[in-house]
Amino acid sequence: MQDVLTLISSLKRPTLLVRTARHGIADYNRVVHLRRALKAETLPGPGQAIIKLMEIEAVVDQQRKTKRAEYSVAHHVEILVALMCEARILKSQKSARSAAMAEG
């Protein structure tokens, strides 16, 4: 199975959708936004969150592609923001672990 960060980097989405999501990164609040995106009370770690978000995003992207009435661009952007931010959290955790291993 591919690394979750590799999976995210392989996503191909419209440029405007990605640019819009990037604007939401600064305001991301993991507790509030991830809880709402996953519809969960307890939050998983970033790796597990990414997997769940990718499953949700695949459904939402299929709705976009097939022009379904229930498609919401705002919801799609919210999921993409969460994906981007969770990826950043996971990367920083991996970097911190690598640095700790190098020190000791």
Protein backbone atom coordinates (compact mmCIF):
# COMPACT_ATOMS: atom_id res chain seq x y z
CA MET A 1 0.00 0.00 0.00
CA GLN A 2 1.23 3.47 -0.83
CA ASP A 3 2.20 5.94 1.86
CA VAL A 4 -0.73 8.29 2.62
CA LEU A 5 1.34 11.35 1.75
CA THR A 6 2.12 9.84 -1.65
CA LEU A 7 -1.59 9.19 -2.16
CA ILE A 8 -2.39 12.84 -1.48
CA SER A 9 0.30 14.10 -3.82
CA SER A 10 -1.13 11.93 -6.60
CA LEU A 11 -4.55 13.62 -6.42
CA LYS A 12 -5.40 15.65 -9.51
CA ARG A 13 -8.08 18.27 -8.89
CA PRO A 14 -9.04 21.51 -10.68
CA THR A 15 -6.59 24.31 -9.98
CA LEU A 16 -9.28 26.70 -8.79
CA LEU A 17 -10.51 24.15 -6.23
CA VAL A 18 -6.98 23.60 -4.89
CA ARG A 19 -6.17 27.32 -4.77
CA THR A 20 -9.37 27.99 -2.87
CA ALA A 21 -8.56 25.24 -0.38
CA ARG A 22 -5.08 26.70 0.19
CA HIS A 23 -6.69 29.91 1.41
CA GLY A 24 -8.40 27.96 4.19
CA ILE A 25 -5.23 26.43 5.60
CA ALA A 26 -4.44 29.39 7.88
CA ASP A 27 -7.83 29.15 9.58
CA TYR A 28 -7.82 25.37 10.08
CA ASN A 29 -8.75 24.29 13.58
CA ARG A 30 -8.26 20.53 13.82
CA VAL A 31 -10.78 19.97 16.60
CA VAL A 32 -13.55 21.97 14.97
CA HIS A 33 -12.97 21.30 11.29
CA LEU A 34 -11.86 17.67 11.39
CA ARG A 35 -14.68 16.74 13.75
CA ARG A 36 -17.17 18.30 11.33
CA ALA A 37 -15.56 16.78 8.23
CA LEU A 38 -15.44 13.28 9.69
CA LYS A 39 -18.69 13.61 11.64
CA ALA A 40 -16.92 12.14 14.66
CA GLU A 41 -16.61 13.03 18.32
CA THR A 42 -13.17 11.48 18.82
CA LEU A 43 -10.47 12.41 16.37
CA PRO A 44 -8.09 9.88 14.82
CA GLY A 45 -4.41 10.54 14.31
CA PRO A 46 -3.43 12.39 11.16
CA GLY A 47 -2.62 9.24 9.17
CA GLN A 48 -5.99 7.65 9.87
CA ALA A 49 -7.74 11.00 9.33
CA ILE A 50 -6.13 11.31 5.91
CA ILE A 51 -7.39 7.88 4.89
CA LYS A 52 -10.94 8.73 5.97
CA LEU A 53 -10.79 12.16 4.33
CA MET A 54 -9.55 10.64 1.08
CA GLU A 55 -12.53 8.26 1.08
CA ILE A 56 -14.91 11.18 1.62
CA GLU A 57 -13.13 13.31 -0.99
CA ALA A 58 -13.37 10.54 -3.59
CA VAL A 59 -17.16 10.44 -3.15
CA VAL A 60 -17.43 14.24 -3.29
CA ASP A 61 -15.19 14.41 -6.37
CA GLN A 62 -17.33 11.79 -8.10
CA GLN A 63 -20.38 13.95 -7.34
CA ARG A 64 -18.55 16.91 -8.92
CA LYS A 65 -17.60 14.98 -12.03
CA THR A 66 -21.11 13.61 -12.55
CA LYS A 67 -22.70 16.99 -11.77
CA ARG A 68 -24.86 15.58 -9.00
CA ALA A 69 -27.32 17.96 -7.34
CA GLU A 70 -26.00 17.11 -3.86
CA TYR A 71 -22.47 18.26 -4.76
CA SER A 72 -21.30 21.18 -2.65
CA VAL A 73 -18.18 23.05 -3.65
CA ALA A 74 -17.94 24.46 -0.11
CA HIS A 75 -17.93 20.94 1.36
CA HIS A 76 -15.36 19.83 -1.21
CA VAL A 77 -13.09 22.74 -0.28
CA GLU A 78 -13.56 21.96 3.43
CA ILE A 79 -12.45 18.35 2.85
CA LEU A 80 -9.44 19.46 0.79
CA VAL A 81 -8.39 21.96 3.47
CA ALA A 82 -8.57 19.22 6.09
CA LEU A 83 -6.55 16.88 3.85
CA MET A 84 -3.85 19.48 3.28
CA CYS A 85 -3.60 20.36 6.95
CA GLU A 86 -3.58 16.77 8.16
CA ALA A 87 -0.80 16.06 5.66
CA ARG A 88 1.21 18.95 7.10
CA ILE A 89 0.67 17.62 10.63
CA LEU A 90 1.76 14.13 9.58
CA LYS A 91 4.86 15.50 7.80
CA SER A 92 5.87 17.51 10.86
CA GLN A 93 5.40 14.47 13.10
CA LYS A 94 7.56 12.35 10.77
CA SER A 95 10.22 15.07 10.71
CA ALA A 96 10.21 15.33 14.48
CA ARG A 97 10.58 11.55 14.81
CA SER A 98 13.43 11.51 12.31
CA ALA A 99 15.20 14.31 14.15
CA ALA A 100 14.76 12.54 17.48
CA MET A 101 16.16 9.31 16.04
CA ALA A 102 19.15 11.13 14.59
CA GLU A 103 19.96 12.70 17.96
CA GLY A 104 19.79 9.62 20.01
